[in-house]
Amino acid sequence: MVLDVLKPHKPDMVNFARALTGVKGVSKVEVAVIEVDADTETVKLTVEGHSISYEDIADAVKQLGAAVHSIDQVTFASATHETEKTAKPYKS
């Protein structure tokens, strides 16, 4: 999931990312600064994991004093998709 987020300078990016890794299902967080002004930073937030809830991520972002501006990208994979990657082709 990739989100466009407006956050204050505090917490810094390291602590912001660290806090978000505590959200249920999150295994990886990347934060990239897009724009900086006097009081805020616009960041691209990439969150990866299993069964991630957008609502949980948005709530955590809000608790950190930031706001989600938009959802820029979402990727889903079904359980059958994972099986298809490892399954051998059927031959009759």
Protein backbone atom coordinates (compact mmCIF):
# COMPACT_ATOMS: atom_id res chain seq x y z
CA MET A 1 0.00 0.00 0.00
CA VAL A 2 1.40 3.40 -0.98
CA LEU A 3 -0.01 6.50 0.70
CA ASP A 4 0.57 10.23 0.25
CA VAL A 5 0.91 11.60 3.79
CA LEU A 6 1.33 15.09 5.25
CA LYS A 7 3.21 14.89 8.56
CA PRO A 8 4.79 17.34 11.00
CA HIS A 9 8.59 17.33 11.31
CA LYS A 10 8.22 15.53 14.65
CA PRO A 11 8.26 12.60 14.91
CA ASP A 12 11.16 12.31 12.49
CA MET A 13 11.02 9.79 9.63
CA VAL A 14 12.83 7.07 11.59
CA ASN A 15 10.46 7.20 14.55
CA PHE A 16 7.43 7.63 12.27
CA ALA A 17 8.35 4.46 10.35
CA ARG A 18 9.23 2.58 13.54
CA ALA A 19 5.85 3.42 15.08
CA LEU A 20 4.00 2.19 12.00
CA THR A 21 5.77 -1.18 12.09
CA GLY A 22 3.79 -1.79 15.29
CA VAL A 23 0.49 -1.89 13.37
CA LYS A 24 -0.99 -5.39 13.11
CA GLY A 25 0.09 -7.19 9.93
CA VAL A 26 2.81 -4.68 8.97
CA SER A 27 6.19 -6.22 8.19
CA LYS A 28 7.90 -3.36 6.33
CA VAL A 29 7.57 0.44 6.20
CA GLU A 30 9.33 2.83 3.83
CA VAL A 31 9.07 6.62 4.14
CA ALA A 32 10.38 8.91 1.39
CA VAL A 33 10.26 12.71 1.64
CA ILE A 34 8.58 14.33 -1.36
CA GLU A 35 8.38 17.95 -0.17
CA VAL A 36 9.36 19.95 2.92
CA ASP A 37 8.02 23.29 4.15
CA ALA A 38 8.42 25.23 7.41
CA ASP A 39 6.11 23.04 9.52
CA THR A 40 5.39 19.86 7.57
CA GLU A 41 6.72 17.19 5.23
CA THR A 42 4.86 15.47 2.43
CA VAL A 43 5.99 11.85 2.35
CA LYS A 44 5.36 8.75 0.30
CA LEU A 45 4.55 6.00 2.78
CA THR A 46 4.92 2.41 1.57
CA VAL A 47 3.56 -0.27 3.89
CA GLU A 48 3.93 -4.01 3.29
CA GLY A 49 2.65 -7.01 5.16
CA HIS A 50 -0.04 -9.66 5.43
CA SER A 51 -3.70 -8.71 5.90
CA ILE A 52 -2.98 -5.01 6.42
CA SER A 53 -5.99 -2.88 7.32
CA TYR A 54 -6.09 0.57 5.72
CA GLU A 55 -8.16 1.80 8.67
CA ASP A 56 -5.49 0.63 11.15
CA ILE A 57 -2.75 2.36 9.14
CA ALA A 58 -4.78 5.58 8.80
CA ASP A 59 -5.54 5.58 12.54
CA ALA A 60 -1.86 5.11 13.40
CA VAL A 61 -0.87 7.91 10.99
CA LYS A 62 -3.44 10.20 12.64
CA GLN A 63 -2.19 9.32 16.14
CA LEU A 64 1.28 10.41 15.00
CA GLY A 65 -0.12 13.85 14.08
CA ALA A 66 -0.15 13.22 10.33
CA ALA A 67 -2.90 12.94 7.70
CA VAL A 68 -3.38 10.63 4.73
CA HIS A 69 -3.97 12.74 1.61
CA SER A 70 -4.49 9.88 -0.80
CA ILE A 71 -4.08 6.19 -1.47
CA ASP A 72 -1.70 6.10 -4.42
CA GLN A 73 -1.25 2.35 -4.92
CA VAL A 74 -2.63 -0.91 -3.56
CA THR A 75 -1.52 -4.46 -4.36
CA PHE A 76 -3.46 -7.60 -3.45
CA ALA A 77 -2.54 -11.25 -3.94
CA SER A 78 -4.96 -14.07 -3.28
CA ALA A 79 -3.93 -17.32 -1.66
CA THR A 80 -4.47 -19.07 -5.00
CA HIS A 81 -2.10 -16.57 -6.64
CA GLU A 82 0.68 -17.69 -4.28
CA THR A 83 -0.17 -21.35 -4.96
CA GLU A 84 -0.10 -20.77 -8.71
CA LYS A 85 3.46 -19.43 -8.47
CA THR A 86 4.72 -22.66 -6.90
CA ALA A 87 2.38 -25.23 -8.44
CA LYS A 88 3.62 -27.42 -11.25
CA PRO A 89 1.66 -27.35 -14.51
CA TYR A 90 -0.92 -30.12 -14.88
CA LYS A 91 -0.15 -32.65 -17.60
CA SER A 92 -2.69 -35.23 -18.69
